[in-house]
Amino acid sequence: MKKIIYALGGSLLVLLAFMSYNSLQFSSKQIQKEAPPMLAVNDISVAHFSEALRIKTISPENPKDFDSLAFYQFNEFLKSTYPLTDSLLEKKHFGQFSHLYKWEGTQTELKPIILMAHLDVVPVIEENRTDWQHPPFGGQIVNDTIWGRGTIDDKIGVIGLLEATEELLKNNYQPQRTLYLSFGHDEEIGGLKGAKVIVNHLKAQGVEAEYVLDEGGTISQNIIPGITKDVALIGIAEKGYVSLELSVKKEGGHSSMPEKESAIDILSAAIVKVKNNPFPAKLAGPTAGFIEYLGPEMKGINRFIFANRWLFESVITGVYEKTASGNALVRTTTAPTIFNAGVKDNIIPQNAKATINFRILPGESSTSVMDRVKKLVDDPRIQIEKGRMQSEPSKVSQTDAFGFLQLQHTLAEVYPEALVAPFLVIAGTDAKHFEPLATNIYRFSPMIINPSNIKSFHGLNERIAVKDFKKAIHFYHRLIENSTRQ
């Protein structure tokens, strides 16, 4: 018995020594760069942003509600506001309202880069307008803050890139590497008439990009547990999207004589089964990279656990599961979003329908989601079909490739106080359409997101500080220089 105890004790000591060694060797992946002088951004740039926000380029769910006049107005705004970009770069329109600019480089053997954003915004719910502190399409500048729909999602990308490009052209900058600027007009409803058409054009031209950059990640402030510094999160993949529509048809009747089970009962029970059996939690590639970059910056037990995630994966996923945002990083999520049944309070309906939305983790697919749900429901009375909109999880981009390194270097120059880490984008972007053009696609917007404004995405009181907008222009200016000089 003593020999067994000694053996177990010795094994434990060896394990602890090995784990402690891992923790000591858990070296930082952050870099230091000398910060260049801050770009002198004139207040006229802020005025341009304000004007862009006042143009109601809304992508409605119902195509009949599309206001083409607003998008024509935005076309004219871009032409008149950025005359050098409009006249000196090769320009094409797609679907009338999406824009592609090509800035030819001097070394055409170098693969081009594609920087993109979208100019459309989501609608503002009418009954919520009174809850906005300032008009959602006013573009007002109040107390050094710019207010309005699109400040965060995603006119900051469109205007930030164009302001940076116009400034570079003004100073006769000539890139060595070709640069494309791509601005879609229907990202909020799938990007099929904008980004997808642009990609088809570039593919037909034989374009193969060194990297693509779209929206997705931001500079997170006071959000990541165990990290006190700001963190620039570069999306290296995005989750897929599928909605499953469940329907039941069963004889109804008068509510005074209910059967033991109605269509609502059957469908409700199925939804409960699906909700009570979530997809397994796991550390997919992007989340593992997130740990590798931020783990060394943590202290004490957190650093020890992250350095030995091979042993503590269940502990780590357990921590993530406790919050909605963390849970979304480690599993395919399940969200019932629509339930329709009945027309009158004393009639038992014959039909019941429900929609469950799934955001799919890399490594899974819409087919595996469908298969799992069918197995869980296991009821032939329930019809299950995929919804109209769906997309598979993206490929995972590399963190040791040219594009990621240029982003990391530029962030170190412009936001030296921020850590950098790859992560998984849980929402959908137009970037998914660009996979035929590039192996490495990154998702990042240079703006500060913290607990005070994180809910303004598609929500109330969307806004950004004037100083943060100006810094975003500086970021894009430096990124273009860094990426097109080699």
Protein backbone atom coordinates (compact mmCIF):
# COMPACT_ATOMS: atom_id res chain seq x y z
CA MET A 1 0.00 0.00 0.00
CA LYS A 2 2.83 2.41 0.89
CA LYS A 3 4.45 1.76 -2.47
CA ILE A 4 1.18 2.65 -4.20
CA ILE A 5 0.85 5.84 -2.14
CA TYR A 6 4.46 6.79 -2.85
CA ALA A 7 3.95 6.07 -6.53
CA LEU A 8 0.80 8.18 -6.65
CA GLY A 9 2.50 10.96 -4.72
CA GLY A 10 5.49 10.87 -7.03
CA SER A 11 3.26 10.96 -10.09
CA LEU A 12 1.39 13.91 -8.66
CA LEU A 13 4.63 15.78 -8.02
CA VAL A 14 5.79 15.09 -11.56
CA LEU A 15 2.45 16.31 -12.91
CA LEU A 16 2.57 19.48 -10.82
CA ALA A 17 6.16 20.10 -11.90
CA PHE A 18 5.19 19.63 -15.54
CA MET A 19 2.22 21.96 -15.20
CA SER A 20 4.30 24.58 -13.39
CA TYR A 21 6.86 24.38 -16.18
CA ASN A 22 4.09 24.92 -18.74
CA SER A 23 2.98 28.00 -16.81
CA LEU A 24 6.52 29.40 -16.73
CA GLN A 25 6.97 28.74 -20.45
CA PHE A 26 3.63 30.35 -21.27
CA SER A 27 5.30 33.30 -22.96
CA SER A 28 3.67 36.47 -24.21
CA LYS A 29 2.69 36.80 -27.87
CA GLN A 30 2.32 40.57 -27.64
CA ILE A 31 4.64 42.90 -29.53
CA GLN A 32 5.93 46.41 -28.90
CA LYS A 33 6.21 49.04 -31.62
CA GLU A 34 7.29 52.65 -31.62
CA ALA A 35 4.14 54.71 -32.07
CA PRO A 36 4.22 57.06 -35.07
CA PRO A 37 2.86 60.60 -34.66
CA MET A 38 -0.92 60.67 -34.44
CA LEU A 39 -2.50 61.53 -37.77
CA ALA A 40 -3.90 65.05 -37.64
CA VAL A 41 -7.58 64.37 -38.33
CA ASN A 42 -9.50 67.53 -39.13
CA ASP A 43 -12.97 68.14 -37.68
CA ILE A 44 -14.27 68.12 -41.25
CA SER A 45 -13.86 64.33 -41.11
CA VAL A 46 -16.23 64.25 -38.16
CA ALA A 47 -18.68 66.39 -40.12
CA HIS A 48 -18.47 63.91 -43.01
CA PHE A 49 -19.26 61.06 -40.63
CA SER A 50 -22.19 62.98 -39.21
CA GLU A 51 -23.56 63.59 -42.71
CA ALA A 52 -23.23 59.90 -43.61
CA LEU A 53 -25.22 58.94 -40.51
CA ARG A 54 -28.08 61.22 -41.53
CA ILE A 55 -28.63 59.27 -44.75
CA LYS A 56 -31.10 56.47 -43.97
CA THR A 57 -29.45 53.58 -45.82
CA ILE A 58 -31.69 51.03 -44.11
CA SER A 59 -31.84 47.38 -45.16
CA PRO A 60 -35.42 46.35 -44.30
CA GLU A 61 -36.57 42.76 -43.91
CA ASN A 62 -39.32 43.34 -46.46
CA PRO A 63 -37.81 44.26 -49.87
CA LYS A 64 -40.90 46.38 -50.59
CA ASP A 65 -39.78 48.78 -47.86
CA PHE A 66 -36.38 49.42 -49.48
CA ASP A 67 -35.79 53.15 -49.98
CA SER A 68 -33.60 53.42 -53.06
CA LEU A 69 -33.55 57.24 -52.86
CA ALA A 70 -31.50 57.10 -49.66
CA PHE A 71 -28.94 54.83 -51.31
CA TYR A 72 -28.74 57.06 -54.38
CA GLN A 73 -28.16 59.94 -51.97
CA PHE A 74 -25.31 57.98 -50.36
CA ASN A 75 -23.80 57.39 -53.82
CA GLU A 76 -23.74 61.13 -54.41
CA PHE A 77 -22.39 61.77 -50.93
CA LEU A 78 -19.39 59.49 -51.57
CA LYS A 79 -18.70 61.07 -54.95
CA SER A 80 -18.79 64.65 -53.69
CA THR A 81 -17.11 64.05 -50.31
CA TYR A 82 -14.17 61.97 -51.57
CA PRO A 83 -13.29 63.49 -54.96
CA LEU A 84 -9.73 62.11 -55.10
CA THR A 85 -10.84 58.58 -54.32
CA ASP A 86 -13.67 58.92 -56.83
CA SER A 87 -11.49 60.26 -59.64
CA LEU A 88 -8.06 58.65 -59.13
CA LEU A 89 -9.05 55.09 -58.22
CA GLU A 90 -10.76 52.64 -60.54
CA LYS A 91 -14.39 52.50 -59.44
CA LYS A 92 -17.26 50.10 -60.10
CA HIS A 93 -20.85 49.85 -58.85
CA PHE A 94 -22.67 46.60 -58.16
CA GLY A 95 -26.37 46.26 -57.56
CA GLN A 96 -26.41 50.05 -58.11
CA PHE A 97 -25.43 50.80 -54.52
CA SER A 98 -22.38 48.68 -53.62
CA HIS A 99 -18.95 50.14 -54.38
CA LEU A 100 -15.58 48.68 -55.30
CA TYR A 101 -12.48 50.86 -55.58
CA LYS A 102 -9.18 49.59 -56.94
CA TRP A 103 -5.91 51.38 -56.09
CA GLU A 104 -3.32 49.84 -58.39
CA GLY A 105 0.04 49.09 -56.78
CA THR A 106 3.43 49.48 -58.43
CA GLN A 107 4.38 45.85 -57.79
CA THR A 108 1.58 43.90 -59.43
CA GLU A 109 3.24 40.57 -58.60
CA LEU A 110 2.23 41.13 -54.96
CA LYS A 111 -1.14 39.79 -53.96
CA PRO A 112 -3.62 42.60 -53.28
CA ILE A 113 -5.42 43.26 -50.02
CA ILE A 114 -9.15 43.89 -49.65
CA LEU A 115 -10.45 46.21 -46.94
CA MET A 116 -14.21 46.18 -46.61
CA ALA A 117 -17.20 47.53 -44.71
CA HIS A 118 -20.93 47.92 -45.32
CA LEU A 119 -22.94 51.08 -45.68
CA ASP A 120 -26.40 49.74 -44.83
CA VAL A 121 -27.85 49.75 -41.32
CA VAL A 122 -30.64 47.96 -39.50
CA PRO A 123 -33.99 49.68 -38.99
CA VAL A 124 -34.93 51.53 -35.82
CA ILE A 125 -37.99 50.08 -34.11
CA GLU A 126 -40.60 52.83 -34.20
CA GLU A 127 -41.93 52.26 -30.68
CA ASN A 128 -38.37 52.57 -29.34
CA ARG A 129 -37.59 55.96 -30.91
CA THR A 130 -38.55 57.81 -27.72
CA ASP A 131 -35.90 55.80 -25.85
CA TRP A 132 -33.10 57.23 -27.98
CA GLN A 133 -31.30 60.04 -26.19
CA HIS A 134 -30.69 61.70 -29.57
CA PRO A 135 -32.39 61.08 -32.95
CA PRO A 136 -31.14 57.78 -34.45
CA PHE A 137 -30.59 59.40 -37.86
CA GLY A 138 -29.58 62.84 -36.61
CA GLY A 139 -25.82 62.31 -36.67
CA GLN A 140 -25.64 64.73 -33.78
CA ILE A 141 -22.38 65.52 -32.00
CA VAL A 142 -23.12 66.02 -28.30
CA ASN A 143 -20.51 66.20 -25.52
CA ASP A 144 -17.75 64.95 -27.86
CA THR A 145 -19.82 61.92 -28.85
CA ILE A 146 -21.30 61.16 -32.27
CA TRP A 147 -24.80 59.65 -32.06
CA GLY A 148 -26.71 57.66 -34.63
CA ARG A 149 -27.46 54.37 -36.29
CA GLY A 150 -24.31 53.20 -38.07
CA THR A 151 -21.71 54.79 -35.81
CA ILE A 152 -20.67 51.30 -34.73
CA ASP A 153 -22.28 49.07 -37.35
CA ASP A 154 -20.74 49.86 -39.81
CA LYS A 155 -20.44 53.31 -41.35
CA ILE A 156 -17.37 53.85 -39.18
CA GLY A 157 -15.64 51.35 -41.47
CA VAL A 158 -16.82 53.00 -44.70
CA ILE A 159 -16.04 56.57 -43.65
CA GLY A 160 -12.89 55.64 -41.71
CA LEU A 161 -11.39 53.89 -44.74
CA LEU A 162 -12.37 56.63 -47.18
CA GLU A 163 -11.04 59.42 -44.95
CA ALA A 164 -7.74 57.55 -44.66
CA THR A 165 -7.59 56.90 -48.41
CA GLU A 166 -8.43 60.49 -49.32
CA GLU A 167 -5.67 61.73 -47.00
CA LEU A 168 -3.11 59.36 -48.53
CA LEU A 169 -4.08 60.42 -52.05
CA LYS A 170 -3.84 64.07 -51.03
CA ASN A 171 -0.22 63.40 -50.04
CA ASN A 172 0.55 61.53 -53.29
CA TYR A 173 0.98 58.17 -51.58
CA GLN A 174 1.63 55.36 -54.04
CA PRO A 175 1.12 51.79 -52.78
CA GLN A 176 3.40 48.98 -53.85
CA ARG A 177 0.66 46.41 -53.22
CA THR A 178 -2.73 46.84 -54.89
CA LEU A 179 -5.55 47.78 -52.55
CA TYR A 180 -9.28 47.16 -53.00
CA LEU A 181 -11.94 48.96 -50.98
CA SER A 182 -15.23 47.06 -50.96
CA PHE A 183 -18.45 48.55 -49.56
CA GLY A 184 -21.58 46.41 -49.65
CA HIS A 185 -25.09 47.84 -49.39
CA ASP A 186 -27.09 44.86 -48.08
CA GLU A 187 -24.95 43.13 -45.43
CA GLU A 188 -27.73 43.31 -42.87
CA ILE A 189 -29.93 41.07 -45.04
CA GLY A 190 -27.28 38.64 -46.25
CA GLY A 191 -25.12 40.55 -48.74
CA LEU A 192 -26.38 38.63 -51.77
CA LYS A 193 -26.78 41.68 -54.02
CA GLY A 194 -23.71 43.49 -52.75
CA ALA A 195 -20.72 41.61 -51.35
CA LYS A 196 -21.51 38.35 -53.13
CA VAL A 197 -21.75 40.08 -56.53
CA ILE A 198 -18.48 41.95 -55.87
CA VAL A 199 -16.79 38.64 -55.06
CA ASN A 200 -18.09 37.07 -58.27
CA HIS A 201 -16.61 39.96 -60.23
CA LEU A 202 -13.21 39.75 -58.51
CA LYS A 203 -13.16 35.97 -58.91
CA ALA A 204 -13.82 36.33 -62.64
CA GLN A 205 -10.88 38.76 -62.77
CA GLY A 206 -8.65 36.11 -61.19
CA VAL A 207 -8.06 38.12 -58.01
CA GLU A 208 -6.37 36.21 -55.20
CA ALA A 209 -5.98 38.38 -52.12
CA GLU A 210 -3.19 38.27 -49.54
CA TYR A 211 -5.81 38.98 -46.91
CA VAL A 212 -9.28 40.46 -46.45
CA LEU A 213 -10.37 42.64 -43.55
CA ASP A 214 -14.01 43.16 -42.56
CA GLU A 215 -15.87 44.16 -39.42
CA GLY A 216 -16.22 41.75 -36.50
CA GLY A 217 -13.81 42.21 -33.63
CA THR A 218 -13.31 45.42 -31.66
CA ILE A 219 -11.21 46.78 -28.82
CA SER A 220 -12.82 45.26 -25.76
CA GLN A 221 -12.67 47.32 -22.57
CA ASN A 222 -13.54 45.92 -19.12
CA ILE A 223 -15.31 42.92 -20.62
CA ILE A 224 -12.90 39.97 -20.54
CA PRO A 225 -12.61 38.35 -17.07
CA GLY A 226 -9.08 38.25 -15.67
CA ILE A 227 -7.82 40.98 -18.00
CA THR A 228 -7.67 44.61 -16.92
CA LYS A 229 -6.11 45.98 -20.11
CA ASP A 230 -7.97 46.75 -23.32
CA VAL A 231 -7.97 43.83 -25.75
CA ALA A 232 -8.05 44.17 -29.53
CA LEU A 233 -9.96 41.11 -30.69
CA ILE A 234 -9.19 40.07 -34.26
CA GLY A 235 -11.77 37.66 -35.59
CA ILE A 236 -10.11 34.76 -37.39
CA ALA A 237 -13.38 32.93 -38.05
CA GLU A 238 -17.10 33.44 -37.75
CA LYS A 239 -19.90 31.16 -36.71
CA GLY A 240 -22.39 29.73 -39.17
CA TYR A 241 -26.10 30.45 -39.17
CA VAL A 242 -29.18 28.34 -39.66
CA SER A 243 -32.78 28.55 -38.51
CA LEU A 244 -34.89 25.41 -38.30
CA GLU A 245 -38.64 25.71 -38.73
CA LEU A 246 -40.66 23.18 -36.75
CA SER A 247 -44.33 22.66 -37.54
CA VAL A 248 -47.17 20.47 -36.30
CA LYS A 249 -50.64 19.89 -37.72
CA LYS A 250 -53.22 18.25 -35.47
CA GLU A 251 -56.97 18.37 -35.20
CA GLY A 252 -58.08 21.35 -33.15
CA GLY A 253 -61.46 22.16 -31.67
CA HIS A 254 -63.22 24.14 -29.01
CA SER A 255 -61.21 25.05 -25.91
CA SER A 256 -63.99 23.76 -23.67
CA MET A 257 -63.22 20.17 -24.74
CA PRO A 258 -59.43 19.94 -25.06
CA GLU A 259 -57.74 16.68 -26.03
CA LYS A 260 -54.86 15.45 -23.88
CA GLU A 261 -52.39 16.90 -26.37
CA SER A 262 -52.64 19.80 -28.80
CA ALA A 263 -50.38 21.05 -31.58
CA ILE A 264 -49.04 23.65 -29.13
CA ASP A 265 -48.30 20.95 -26.53
CA ILE A 266 -46.42 18.78 -29.04
CA LEU A 267 -44.36 21.65 -30.37
CA SER A 268 -43.63 23.11 -26.93
CA ALA A 269 -42.36 19.75 -25.69
CA ALA A 270 -40.03 19.51 -28.70
CA ILE A 271 -38.59 22.96 -28.08
CA VAL A 272 -37.98 22.12 -24.43
CA LYS A 273 -36.11 18.96 -25.48
CA VAL A 274 -33.87 20.92 -27.82
CA LYS A 275 -33.22 23.66 -25.26
CA ASN A 276 -32.51 21.21 -22.43
CA ASN A 277 -29.92 19.37 -24.52
CA PRO A 278 -27.47 22.03 -25.71
CA PHE A 279 -24.64 21.30 -28.09
CA PRO A 280 -21.46 20.22 -26.28
CA ALA A 281 -19.05 22.95 -25.23
CA LYS A 282 -15.54 22.86 -26.68
CA LEU A 283 -12.57 25.10 -27.34
CA ALA A 284 -12.62 25.45 -31.12
CA GLY A 285 -9.59 26.82 -32.99
CA PRO A 286 -10.31 30.55 -32.61
CA THR A 287 -11.10 30.24 -28.90
CA ALA A 288 -7.97 28.17 -28.32
CA GLY A 289 -5.99 30.98 -30.02
CA PHE A 290 -7.71 33.50 -27.76
CA ILE A 291 -6.40 31.55 -24.75
CA GLU A 292 -2.88 31.29 -26.18
CA TYR A 293 -2.65 35.06 -26.65
CA LEU A 294 -4.34 36.21 -23.44
CA GLY A 295 -3.39 33.41 -21.06
CA PRO A 296 0.22 34.62 -20.65
CA GLU A 297 -1.10 38.09 -19.69
CA MET A 298 -3.10 36.72 -16.78
CA LYS A 299 -1.97 36.30 -13.21
CA GLY A 300 -1.93 33.49 -10.66
CA ILE A 301 -4.34 30.59 -10.99
CA ASN A 302 -5.87 31.89 -14.24
CA ARG A 303 -2.48 31.79 -15.96
CA PHE A 304 -1.81 28.32 -14.52
CA ILE A 305 -5.14 26.98 -15.80
CA PHE A 306 -4.82 28.53 -19.26
CA ALA A 307 -1.25 27.24 -19.59
CA ASN A 308 -2.56 23.73 -19.00
CA ARG A 309 -5.83 23.81 -20.90
CA TRP A 310 -5.24 20.23 -22.05
CA LEU A 311 -6.16 19.27 -18.48
CA PHE A 312 -8.52 22.10 -17.54
CA GLU A 313 -10.61 22.40 -20.70
CA SER A 314 -13.80 21.48 -18.87
CA VAL A 315 -13.03 24.07 -16.19
CA ILE A 316 -12.42 26.75 -18.83
CA THR A 317 -15.56 25.94 -20.81
CA GLY A 318 -17.51 25.86 -17.53
CA VAL A 319 -16.43 29.44 -16.82
CA TYR A 320 -17.36 30.57 -20.34
CA GLU A 321 -20.77 28.90 -20.12
CA LYS A 322 -21.81 31.15 -17.24
CA THR A 323 -22.31 34.22 -19.46
CA ALA A 324 -24.25 34.57 -22.71
CA SER A 325 -21.27 36.04 -24.57
CA GLY A 326 -18.86 33.42 -23.22
CA ASN A 327 -21.25 30.56 -23.93
CA ALA A 328 -21.51 31.69 -27.55
CA LEU A 329 -17.74 31.23 -27.94
CA VAL A 330 -17.66 27.59 -26.89
CA ARG A 331 -20.73 25.97 -28.42
CA THR A 332 -23.30 26.05 -31.16
CA THR A 333 -26.06 28.09 -29.53
CA THR A 334 -29.78 27.37 -29.55
CA ALA A 335 -32.32 30.21 -29.51
CA PRO A 336 -36.07 29.76 -30.10
CA THR A 337 -37.10 33.04 -31.72
CA ILE A 338 -40.60 32.64 -33.22
CA PHE A 339 -43.71 30.75 -32.08
CA ASN A 340 -46.96 31.02 -34.02
CA ALA A 341 -50.21 29.26 -33.13
CA GLY A 342 -53.85 30.16 -32.60
CA VAL A 343 -56.13 33.01 -33.63
CA LYS A 344 -58.71 33.12 -30.82
CA ASP A 345 -58.66 32.40 -27.12
CA ASN A 346 -61.42 29.74 -27.23
CA ILE A 347 -60.18 27.83 -30.29
CA ILE A 348 -57.55 25.10 -30.06
CA PRO A 349 -55.40 25.65 -33.17
CA GLN A 350 -54.77 22.96 -35.74
CA ASN A 351 -51.36 24.31 -36.66
CA ALA A 352 -48.36 25.39 -34.62
CA LYS A 353 -45.06 26.63 -35.99
CA ALA A 354 -41.83 27.65 -34.32
CA THR A 355 -38.40 28.82 -35.42
CA ILE A 356 -35.18 27.97 -33.61
CA ASN A 357 -32.03 29.87 -34.57
CA PHE A 358 -28.61 28.21 -34.28
CA ARG A 359 -25.21 29.91 -34.49
CA ILE A 360 -22.85 27.16 -35.57
CA LEU A 361 -19.37 26.58 -34.19
CA PRO A 362 -16.50 25.87 -36.66
CA GLY A 363 -16.22 22.11 -37.07
CA GLU A 364 -19.99 21.66 -37.20
CA SER A 365 -22.45 22.39 -40.00
CA SER A 366 -26.08 23.15 -40.75
CA THR A 367 -26.51 19.46 -41.63
CA SER A 368 -25.12 18.27 -38.30
CA VAL A 369 -27.44 20.74 -36.55
CA MET A 370 -30.43 19.38 -38.44
CA ASP A 371 -29.44 15.79 -37.67
CA ARG A 372 -29.04 16.50 -33.97
CA VAL A 373 -32.38 18.29 -33.67
CA LYS A 374 -34.23 15.50 -35.51
CA LYS A 375 -32.69 12.96 -33.16
CA LEU A 376 -33.60 14.99 -30.06
CA VAL A 377 -37.18 15.69 -31.15
CA ASP A 378 -37.77 12.12 -32.33
CA ASP A 379 -41.41 12.77 -33.18
CA PRO A 380 -42.76 11.99 -36.69
CA ARG A 381 -45.64 14.42 -36.16
CA ILE A 382 -43.19 17.33 -36.27
CA GLN A 383 -41.92 18.54 -39.63
CA ILE A 384 -38.45 20.13 -39.54
CA GLU A 385 -37.12 22.27 -42.37
CA LYS A 386 -34.24 24.69 -42.84
CA GLY A 387 -35.09 28.38 -43.09
CA ARG A 388 -34.37 30.59 -46.10
CA MET A 389 -31.14 32.16 -44.80
CA GLN A 390 -28.21 30.01 -43.80
CA SER A 391 -24.43 30.00 -43.92
CA GLU A 392 -21.82 27.50 -42.87
CA PRO A 393 -19.10 28.35 -40.32
CA SER A 394 -16.13 30.03 -41.95
CA LYS A 395 -12.67 28.63 -42.34
CA VAL A 396 -10.21 29.55 -39.58
CA SER A 397 -7.57 32.06 -40.68
CA GLN A 398 -3.93 31.89 -39.63
CA THR A 399 -2.35 34.01 -36.91
CA ASP A 400 1.16 33.70 -38.33
CA ALA A 401 0.23 35.03 -41.78
CA PHE A 402 0.95 38.43 -43.32
CA GLY A 403 -2.50 39.89 -42.67
CA PHE A 404 -2.70 39.06 -38.97
CA LEU A 405 0.84 40.31 -38.42
CA GLN A 406 0.08 43.61 -40.16
CA LEU A 407 -2.99 44.06 -38.00
CA GLN A 408 -1.04 43.25 -34.86
CA HIS A 409 1.79 45.65 -35.79
CA THR A 410 -0.64 48.44 -36.64
CA LEU A 411 -2.55 47.94 -33.40
CA ALA A 412 0.72 48.08 -31.47
CA GLU A 413 1.42 51.45 -33.11
CA VAL A 414 -2.01 53.04 -32.75
CA TYR A 415 -3.31 51.35 -29.59
CA PRO A 416 -0.11 50.51 -27.68
CA GLU A 417 -2.05 50.06 -24.43
CA ALA A 418 -4.13 47.21 -25.88
CA LEU A 419 -3.37 43.51 -25.94
CA VAL A 420 -4.09 41.63 -29.18
CA ALA A 421 -5.84 38.27 -29.44
CA PRO A 422 -7.57 36.19 -32.11
CA PHE A 423 -11.16 35.22 -31.41
CA LEU A 424 -14.36 33.80 -32.87
CA VAL A 425 -16.93 36.24 -34.29
CA ILE A 426 -20.35 35.05 -33.16
CA ALA A 427 -22.38 37.18 -35.58
CA GLY A 428 -22.46 37.00 -39.38
CA THR A 429 -20.58 39.38 -41.70
CA ASP A 430 -20.09 39.92 -45.43
CA ALA A 431 -16.63 38.37 -45.01
CA LYS A 432 -18.12 34.92 -45.50
CA HIS A 433 -18.66 35.67 -49.19
CA PHE A 434 -14.94 36.42 -49.71
CA GLU A 435 -13.63 32.93 -48.92
CA PRO A 436 -13.13 32.13 -52.65
CA LEU A 437 -10.67 35.03 -52.85
CA ALA A 438 -8.40 34.58 -49.83
CA THR A 439 -7.11 31.95 -47.45
CA ASN A 440 -6.90 34.47 -44.62
CA ILE A 441 -9.87 36.68 -43.75
CA TYR A 442 -9.85 38.81 -40.61
CA ARG A 443 -12.62 40.68 -38.85
CA PHE A 444 -11.81 43.79 -36.86
CA SER A 445 -13.09 47.36 -36.49
CA PRO A 446 -10.96 49.96 -34.65
CA MET A 447 -13.39 51.10 -31.97
CA ILE A 448 -13.78 50.80 -28.22
CA ILE A 449 -16.57 48.56 -26.94
CA ASN A 450 -17.32 48.41 -23.24
CA PRO A 451 -20.28 47.59 -20.97
CA SER A 452 -21.77 51.04 -21.55
CA ASN A 453 -22.17 50.73 -25.32
CA ILE A 454 -22.05 47.02 -26.15
CA LYS A 455 -25.84 46.75 -26.28
CA SER A 456 -26.12 49.54 -28.85
CA PHE A 457 -25.26 47.09 -31.66
CA HIS A 458 -28.62 46.89 -33.45
CA GLY A 459 -30.04 48.46 -30.29
CA LEU A 460 -30.62 51.82 -28.66
CA ASN A 461 -28.36 54.87 -28.57
CA GLU A 462 -25.65 53.70 -30.96
CA ARG A 463 -22.73 56.09 -30.57
CA ILE A 464 -18.97 56.57 -30.60
CA ALA A 465 -16.65 59.14 -29.02
CA VAL A 466 -15.22 61.71 -31.45
CA LYS A 467 -11.67 60.89 -30.32
CA ASP A 468 -12.27 57.19 -31.02
CA PHE A 469 -13.56 57.94 -34.51
CA LYS A 470 -10.49 60.04 -35.26
CA LYS A 471 -8.25 57.28 -33.95
CA ALA A 472 -10.03 54.80 -36.24
CA ILE A 473 -9.03 56.91 -39.24
CA HIS A 474 -5.44 56.91 -37.98
CA PHE A 475 -5.59 53.12 -37.68
CA TYR A 476 -6.82 52.62 -41.25
CA HIS A 477 -4.23 55.11 -42.52
CA ARG A 478 -1.40 53.18 -40.86
CA LEU A 479 -2.80 49.78 -41.86
CA ILE A 480 -2.89 50.78 -45.50
CA GLU A 481 0.67 52.06 -45.31
CA ASN A 482 1.93 49.00 -43.44
CA SER A 483 0.17 46.52 -45.73
CA THR A 484 0.89 48.10 -49.12
CA ARG A 485 4.56 48.98 -48.70
CA GLN A 486 5.65 45.36 -49.00
